[in-house]
Amino acid sequence: MFLTLKELVRWFGMTAFEIWVHLVTIFIFSILVVLKQEAVIDMSWWSAFTPLYVADGLNTYFCIIVFIRQYQDYAFRPAGLRLLSSLLCCSLLFVFKFLLCQKFSERSSRLSHTEVIAPLFPLLVILSIRSCQAQQH
């Protein structure tokens, strides 16, 4: 069974536009990774990961805009909670992508695979808590 857009928005704490931005950048990133691996384009891993970093920056920017709008509507508590959870998710995703890129770019990387995926564990906890809260409403 597929999730609806309404459920995805509630679970991820993103608007439909932010989800669309991430999907487009993941598509561009996938193309760049294939071109890099097939040696069609000579680029660094940092260049290949650039679309994902741009998506993180745009997502953070939109989170701040939503916070300001909610704050102006005198919804102080929901605005603060949404900003806190969204920025936490954005920062955890950014750290994961940064560590993954660092692991790929250095041949003798001292980072273990566990250290690279460690930011995903708190993110999964946050998403599971959101999904349980979404079921109650």
N, C-alpha and C. Protein backbone atom coordinates (compact mmCIF):
# COMPACT_ATOMS: atom_id res chain seq x y z
N MET A 1 0.84 -1.17 0.00
CA MET A 1 0.00 0.00 0.00
C MET A 1 0.88 1.23 0.00
N PHE A 2 0.55 2.20 -0.83
CA PHE A 2 1.33 3.41 -0.95
C PHE A 2 0.83 4.47 0.03
N LEU A 3 1.75 5.33 0.41
CA LEU A 3 1.40 6.45 1.28
C LEU A 3 0.85 7.58 0.44
N THR A 4 -0.10 8.28 0.98
CA THR A 4 -0.64 9.45 0.28
C THR A 4 0.27 10.64 0.52
N LEU A 5 0.08 11.68 -0.28
CA LEU A 5 0.88 12.88 -0.11
C LEU A 5 0.63 13.52 1.26
N LYS A 6 -0.60 13.46 1.71
CA LYS A 6 -0.95 14.02 3.02
C LYS A 6 -0.19 13.30 4.15
N GLU A 7 -0.10 11.98 4.05
CA GLU A 7 0.64 11.21 5.06
C GLU A 7 2.14 11.51 4.99
N LEU A 8 2.68 11.63 3.78
CA LEU A 8 4.11 11.95 3.64
C LEU A 8 4.42 13.32 4.23
N VAL A 9 3.56 14.29 3.98
CA VAL A 9 3.76 15.64 4.52
C VAL A 9 3.74 15.60 6.04
N ARG A 10 2.81 14.85 6.61
CA ARG A 10 2.70 14.77 8.06
C ARG A 10 3.89 14.04 8.67
N TRP A 11 4.33 12.95 8.06
CA TRP A 11 5.42 12.16 8.62
C TRP A 11 6.76 12.87 8.52
N PHE A 12 7.05 13.44 7.36
CA PHE A 12 8.36 14.05 7.15
C PHE A 12 8.44 15.48 7.66
N GLY A 13 7.30 16.10 7.91
CA GLY A 13 7.30 17.47 8.40
C GLY A 13 7.74 18.46 7.34
N MET A 14 7.54 18.10 6.08
CA MET A 14 7.91 18.96 4.96
C MET A 14 6.65 19.26 4.16
N THR A 15 6.71 20.35 3.43
CA THR A 15 5.61 20.64 2.52
C THR A 15 5.79 19.80 1.25
N ALA A 16 4.75 19.78 0.42
CA ALA A 16 4.83 19.03 -0.83
C ALA A 16 5.92 19.59 -1.74
N PHE A 17 6.11 20.91 -1.70
CA PHE A 17 7.16 21.53 -2.52
C PHE A 17 8.54 21.08 -2.07
N GLU A 18 8.76 21.00 -0.76
CA GLU A 18 10.06 20.56 -0.25
C GLU A 18 10.34 19.10 -0.62
N ILE A 19 9.31 18.26 -0.58
CA ILE A 19 9.47 16.87 -1.00
C ILE A 19 9.80 16.81 -2.48
N TRP A 20 9.15 17.65 -3.28
CA TRP A 20 9.43 17.71 -4.71
C TRP A 20 10.87 18.14 -4.97
N VAL A 21 11.35 19.14 -4.23
CA VAL A 21 12.74 19.61 -4.39
C VAL A 21 13.71 18.47 -4.09
N HIS A 22 13.45 17.71 -3.04
CA HIS A 22 14.33 16.59 -2.72
C HIS A 22 14.29 15.51 -3.79
N LEU A 23 13.12 15.22 -4.33
CA LEU A 23 13.03 14.21 -5.38
C LEU A 23 13.79 14.63 -6.64
N VAL A 24 13.67 15.89 -7.01
CA VAL A 24 14.39 16.39 -8.19
C VAL A 24 15.91 16.32 -7.97
N THR A 25 16.36 16.73 -6.79
CA THR A 25 17.80 16.71 -6.54
C THR A 25 18.34 15.29 -6.41
N ILE A 26 17.54 14.37 -5.89
CA ILE A 26 17.98 12.97 -5.84
C ILE A 26 18.10 12.41 -7.26
N PHE A 27 17.18 12.80 -8.13
CA PHE A 27 17.26 12.38 -9.53
C PHE A 27 18.53 12.91 -10.19
N ILE A 28 18.82 14.20 -10.00
CA ILE A 28 20.04 14.80 -10.57
C ILE A 28 21.28 14.15 -9.98
N PHE A 29 21.27 13.92 -8.66
CA PHE A 29 22.39 13.26 -8.00
C PHE A 29 22.61 11.86 -8.57
N SER A 30 21.55 11.13 -8.80
CA SER A 30 21.67 9.77 -9.35
C SER A 30 22.32 9.79 -10.73
N ILE A 31 21.94 10.74 -11.56
CA ILE A 31 22.55 10.86 -12.88
C ILE A 31 24.03 11.19 -12.75
N LEU A 32 24.38 12.12 -11.87
CA LEU A 32 25.79 12.50 -11.69
C LEU A 32 26.63 11.34 -11.17
N VAL A 33 26.07 10.54 -10.27
CA VAL A 33 26.82 9.40 -9.73
C VAL A 33 27.07 8.36 -10.82
N VAL A 34 26.07 8.09 -11.65
CA VAL A 34 26.26 7.13 -12.74
C VAL A 34 27.31 7.64 -13.72
N LEU A 35 27.24 8.93 -14.07
CA LEU A 35 28.22 9.49 -14.99
C LEU A 35 29.63 9.46 -14.38
N LYS A 36 29.73 9.68 -13.09
CA LYS A 36 31.04 9.63 -12.43
C LYS A 36 31.58 8.20 -12.40
N GLN A 37 30.75 7.24 -12.05
CA GLN A 37 31.19 5.85 -11.95
C GLN A 37 31.54 5.26 -13.31
N GLU A 38 30.87 5.70 -14.35
CA GLU A 38 31.18 5.20 -15.69
C GLU A 38 32.30 5.99 -16.35
N ALA A 39 32.89 6.93 -15.64
CA ALA A 39 34.01 7.75 -16.10
C ALA A 39 33.65 8.58 -17.34
N VAL A 40 32.40 8.96 -17.45
CA VAL A 40 31.98 9.85 -18.54
C VAL A 40 32.37 11.28 -18.18
N ILE A 41 32.22 11.62 -16.92
CA ILE A 41 32.57 12.95 -16.41
C ILE A 41 33.63 12.77 -15.33
N ASP A 42 34.67 13.58 -15.41
CA ASP A 42 35.69 13.55 -14.37
C ASP A 42 35.35 14.63 -13.34
N MET A 43 34.76 14.20 -12.24
CA MET A 43 34.36 15.13 -11.19
C MET A 43 34.63 14.51 -9.83
N SER A 44 34.71 15.35 -8.83
CA SER A 44 34.93 14.85 -7.48
C SER A 44 33.59 14.43 -6.88
N TRP A 45 33.68 13.71 -5.77
CA TRP A 45 32.45 13.32 -5.08
C TRP A 45 31.75 14.54 -4.51
N TRP A 46 32.52 15.55 -4.12
CA TRP A 46 31.93 16.77 -3.58
C TRP A 46 31.06 17.45 -4.63
N SER A 47 31.49 17.42 -5.86
CA SER A 47 30.68 18.00 -6.95
C SER A 47 29.43 17.17 -7.22
N ALA A 48 29.56 15.87 -7.11
CA ALA A 48 28.40 15.00 -7.35
C ALA A 48 27.35 15.18 -6.26
N PHE A 49 27.78 15.45 -5.03
CA PHE A 49 26.85 15.62 -3.92
C PHE A 49 26.27 17.03 -3.84
N THR A 50 26.72 17.94 -4.68
CA THR A 50 26.27 19.34 -4.63
C THR A 50 24.74 19.48 -4.73
N PRO A 51 24.04 18.76 -5.61
CA PRO A 51 22.58 18.92 -5.63
C PRO A 51 21.91 18.57 -4.30
N LEU A 52 22.43 17.58 -3.61
CA LEU A 52 21.85 17.21 -2.32
C LEU A 52 22.08 18.30 -1.27
N TYR A 53 23.26 18.93 -1.31
CA TYR A 53 23.53 20.02 -0.38
C TYR A 53 22.66 21.23 -0.69
N VAL A 54 22.41 21.48 -1.96
CA VAL A 54 21.52 22.58 -2.36
C VAL A 54 20.11 22.32 -1.85
N ALA A 55 19.65 21.08 -1.94
CA ALA A 55 18.31 20.73 -1.44
C ALA A 55 18.23 20.94 0.07
N ASP A 56 19.30 20.57 0.79
CA ASP A 56 19.31 20.80 2.24
C ASP A 56 19.24 22.28 2.56
N GLY A 57 19.97 23.09 1.82
CA GLY A 57 19.94 24.53 2.03
C GLY A 57 18.57 25.12 1.75
N LEU A 58 17.95 24.70 0.65
CA LEU A 58 16.60 25.18 0.32
C LEU A 58 15.57 24.73 1.36
N ASN A 59 15.71 23.50 1.82
CA ASN A 59 14.79 22.99 2.83
C ASN A 59 14.91 23.79 4.12
N THR A 60 16.12 24.10 4.53
CA THR A 60 16.33 24.90 5.73
C THR A 60 15.75 26.31 5.55
N TYR A 61 15.94 26.87 4.38
CA TYR A 61 15.40 28.19 4.08
C TYR A 61 13.87 28.19 4.17
N PHE A 62 13.23 27.18 3.60
CA PHE A 62 11.77 27.10 3.65
C PHE A 62 11.27 26.85 5.07
N CYS A 63 12.03 26.09 5.86
CA CYS A 63 11.64 25.88 7.27
C CYS A 63 11.64 27.20 8.03
N ILE A 64 12.61 28.02 7.76
CA ILE A 64 12.67 29.32 8.44
C ILE A 64 11.52 30.21 7.98
N ILE A 65 11.17 30.16 6.69
CA ILE A 65 10.05 30.95 6.19
C ILE A 65 8.74 30.50 6.85
N VAL A 66 8.53 29.19 6.96
CA VAL A 66 7.31 28.67 7.60
C VAL A 66 7.29 29.07 9.07
N PHE A 67 8.44 29.04 9.73
CA PHE A 67 8.51 29.47 11.13
C PHE A 67 8.09 30.93 11.27
N ILE A 68 8.60 31.78 10.41
CA ILE A 68 8.27 33.21 10.49
C ILE A 68 6.78 33.42 10.25
N ARG A 69 6.20 32.72 9.29
CA ARG A 69 4.77 32.87 9.02
C ARG A 69 3.92 32.38 10.20
N GLN A 70 4.29 31.24 10.78
CA GLN A 70 3.53 30.76 11.93
C GLN A 70 3.71 31.69 13.13
N TYR A 71 4.88 32.23 13.28
CA TYR A 71 5.15 33.14 14.39
C TYR A 71 4.32 34.42 14.25
N GLN A 72 4.18 34.91 13.01
CA GLN A 72 3.37 36.10 12.77
C GLN A 72 1.89 35.84 12.99
N ASP A 73 1.46 34.60 12.86
CA ASP A 73 0.06 34.23 13.12
C ASP A 73 -0.17 33.88 14.59
N TYR A 74 0.80 34.18 15.44
CA TYR A 74 0.74 33.97 16.89
C TYR A 74 0.60 32.49 17.27
N ALA A 75 1.14 31.62 16.45
CA ALA A 75 1.20 30.19 16.77
C ALA A 75 2.62 29.90 17.25
N PHE A 76 2.93 30.39 18.44
CA PHE A 76 4.31 30.33 18.93
C PHE A 76 4.78 28.91 19.20
N ARG A 77 4.00 28.14 19.92
CA ARG A 77 4.43 26.78 20.27
C ARG A 77 4.55 25.87 19.05
N PRO A 78 3.53 25.80 18.17
CA PRO A 78 3.70 24.95 16.98
C PRO A 78 4.83 25.42 16.07
N ALA A 79 5.03 26.74 16.00
CA ALA A 79 6.11 27.26 15.17
C ALA A 79 7.47 26.81 15.70
N GLY A 80 7.65 26.93 17.01
CA GLY A 80 8.92 26.52 17.61
C GLY A 80 9.17 25.04 17.50
N LEU A 81 8.12 24.24 17.75
CA LEU A 81 8.28 22.78 17.67
C LEU A 81 8.58 22.33 16.24
N ARG A 82 7.89 22.92 15.27
CA ARG A 82 8.14 22.56 13.88
C ARG A 82 9.54 22.96 13.46
N LEU A 83 9.96 24.16 13.86
CA LEU A 83 11.31 24.61 13.50
C LEU A 83 12.36 23.70 14.12
N LEU A 84 12.18 23.36 15.39
CA LEU A 84 13.15 22.51 16.06
C LEU A 84 13.25 21.13 15.41
N SER A 85 12.10 20.50 15.17
CA SER A 85 12.15 19.16 14.58
C SER A 85 12.64 19.19 13.13
N SER A 86 12.23 20.21 12.37
CA SER A 86 12.67 20.29 10.98
C SER A 86 14.17 20.56 10.87
N LEU A 87 14.66 21.47 11.68
CA LEU A 87 16.10 21.76 11.64
C LEU A 87 16.92 20.57 12.14
N LEU A 88 16.39 19.83 13.10
CA LEU A 88 17.09 18.64 13.57
C LEU A 88 17.17 17.60 12.46
N CYS A 89 16.06 17.38 11.76
CA CYS A 89 16.06 16.43 10.64
C CYS A 89 16.98 16.89 9.52
N CYS A 90 16.93 18.18 9.20
CA CYS A 90 17.80 18.72 8.14
C CYS A 90 19.27 18.56 8.51
N SER A 91 19.60 18.85 9.75
CA SER A 91 21.01 18.75 10.16
C SER A 91 21.47 17.30 10.20
N LEU A 92 20.62 16.37 10.62
CA LEU A 92 21.00 14.95 10.63
C LEU A 92 21.21 14.43 9.21
N LEU A 93 20.35 14.82 8.29
CA LEU A 93 20.53 14.42 6.89
C LEU A 93 21.79 15.02 6.29
N PHE A 94 22.05 16.29 6.62
CA PHE A 94 23.26 16.94 6.10
C PHE A 94 24.52 16.25 6.62
N VAL A 95 24.55 15.92 7.91
CA VAL A 95 25.72 15.25 8.48
C VAL A 95 25.92 13.89 7.83
N PHE A 96 24.83 13.15 7.60
CA PHE A 96 24.95 11.85 6.93
C PHE A 96 25.54 12.01 5.53
N LYS A 97 25.01 12.96 4.76
CA LYS A 97 25.51 13.17 3.40
C LYS A 97 26.96 13.63 3.40
N PHE A 98 27.32 14.47 4.36
CA PHE A 98 28.69 14.96 4.47
C PHE A 98 29.65 13.81 4.79
N LEU A 99 29.29 12.97 5.75
CA LEU A 99 30.15 11.84 6.12
C LEU A 99 30.25 10.82 4.98
N LEU A 100 29.14 10.60 4.28
CA LEU A 100 29.16 9.67 3.15
C LEU A 100 30.06 10.18 2.04
N CYS A 101 29.96 11.45 1.75
CA CYS A 101 30.81 12.05 0.73
C CYS A 101 32.28 11.99 1.14
N GLN A 102 32.54 12.26 2.40
CA GLN A 102 33.92 12.19 2.89
C GLN A 102 34.46 10.76 2.80
N LYS A 103 33.64 9.77 3.10
CA LYS A 103 34.06 8.37 3.00
C LYS A 103 34.34 7.99 1.55
N PHE A 104 33.52 8.44 0.62
CA PHE A 104 33.73 8.13 -0.79
C PHE A 104 34.97 8.83 -1.35
N SER A 105 35.21 10.06 -0.92
CA SER A 105 36.28 10.85 -1.54
C SER A 105 37.67 10.47 -1.06
N GLU A 106 37.79 9.93 0.12
CA GLU A 106 39.11 9.55 0.65
C GLU A 106 39.28 8.05 0.55
N ARG A 107 40.31 7.64 -0.14
CA ARG A 107 40.58 6.21 -0.31
C ARG A 107 40.91 5.54 1.02
N SER A 108 41.68 6.22 1.84
CA SER A 108 42.07 5.64 3.13
C SER A 108 41.28 6.29 4.26
N SER A 109 39.98 6.35 4.09
CA SER A 109 39.13 6.99 5.08
C SER A 109 39.12 6.16 6.37
N ARG A 110 39.25 6.85 7.46
CA ARG A 110 39.23 6.18 8.76
C ARG A 110 37.81 6.03 9.29
N LEU A 111 36.85 6.56 8.57
CA LEU A 111 35.46 6.45 9.00
C LEU A 111 34.95 5.04 8.72
N SER A 112 34.33 4.45 9.71
CA SER A 112 33.70 3.15 9.48
C SER A 112 32.30 3.37 8.92
N HIS A 113 31.73 2.32 8.41
CA HIS A 113 30.38 2.42 7.86
C HIS A 113 29.37 2.78 8.94
N THR A 114 29.61 2.28 10.14
CA THR A 114 28.71 2.58 11.26
C THR A 114 28.73 4.05 11.61
N GLU A 115 29.91 4.66 11.57
CA GLU A 115 30.01 6.09 11.86
C GLU A 115 29.30 6.93 10.80
N VAL A 116 29.33 6.46 9.57
CA VAL A 116 28.69 7.21 8.49
C VAL A 116 27.17 7.18 8.63
N ILE A 117 26.61 6.02 8.96
CA ILE A 117 25.15 5.94 9.03
C ILE A 117 24.59 6.26 10.42
N ALA A 118 25.45 6.60 11.36
CA ALA A 118 24.98 6.92 12.71
C ALA A 118 23.95 8.05 12.76
N PRO A 119 24.05 9.12 11.95
CA PRO A 119 23.01 10.16 12.01
C PRO A 119 21.63 9.70 11.56
N LEU A 120 21.56 8.58 10.85
CA LEU A 120 20.26 8.10 10.39
C LEU A 120 19.44 7.48 11.52
N PHE A 121 20.09 6.97 12.56
CA PHE A 121 19.35 6.33 13.64
C PHE A 121 18.46 7.30 14.42
N PRO A 122 18.97 8.47 14.87
CA PRO A 122 18.05 9.42 15.51
C PRO A 122 16.98 9.93 14.55
N LEU A 123 17.32 10.03 13.27
CA LEU A 123 16.34 10.48 12.28
C LEU A 123 15.21 9.46 12.17
N LEU A 124 15.53 8.19 12.18
CA LEU A 124 14.50 7.16 12.13
C LEU A 124 13.63 7.17 13.38
N VAL A 125 14.23 7.47 14.52
CA VAL A 125 13.45 7.58 15.76
C VAL A 125 12.46 8.74 15.65
N ILE A 126 12.94 9.88 15.15
CA ILE A 126 12.07 11.06 14.99
C ILE A 126 10.92 10.74 14.03
N LEU A 127 11.22 10.09 12.91
CA LEU A 127 10.18 9.75 11.94
C LEU A 127 9.19 8.74 12.50
N SER A 128 9.65 7.80 13.30
CA SER A 128 8.73 6.82 13.88
C SER A 128 7.83 7.48 14.92
N ILE A 129 8.37 8.44 15.67
CA ILE A 129 7.54 9.17 16.62
C ILE A 129 6.49 9.99 15.88
N ARG A 130 6.89 10.64 14.79
CA ARG A 130 5.93 11.41 13.99
C ARG A 130 4.86 10.51 13.40
N SER A 131 5.23 9.32 12.97
CA SER A 131 4.23 8.44 12.37
C SER A 131 3.24 7.96 13.42
N CYS A 132 3.70 7.73 14.64
CA CYS A 132 2.78 7.33 15.71
C CYS A 132 1.84 8.48 16.08
N GLN A 133 2.36 9.71 16.10
CA GLN A 133 1.52 10.86 16.37
C GLN A 133 0.52 11.08 15.26
N ALA A 134 0.91 10.80 14.04
CA ALA A 134 0.03 11.01 12.90
C ALA A 134 -1.15 10.04 12.94
N GLN A 135 -0.95 8.85 13.49
CA GLN A 135 -2.02 7.88 13.57
C GLN A 135 -3.10 8.30 14.56
N GLN A 136 -2.74 9.10 15.56
CA GLN A 136 -3.68 9.52 16.58
C GLN A 136 -4.63 10.58 16.06
N HIS A 137 -4.20 11.40 15.12
CA HIS A 137 -5.04 12.51 14.63
C HIS A 137 -6.07 12.06 13.68
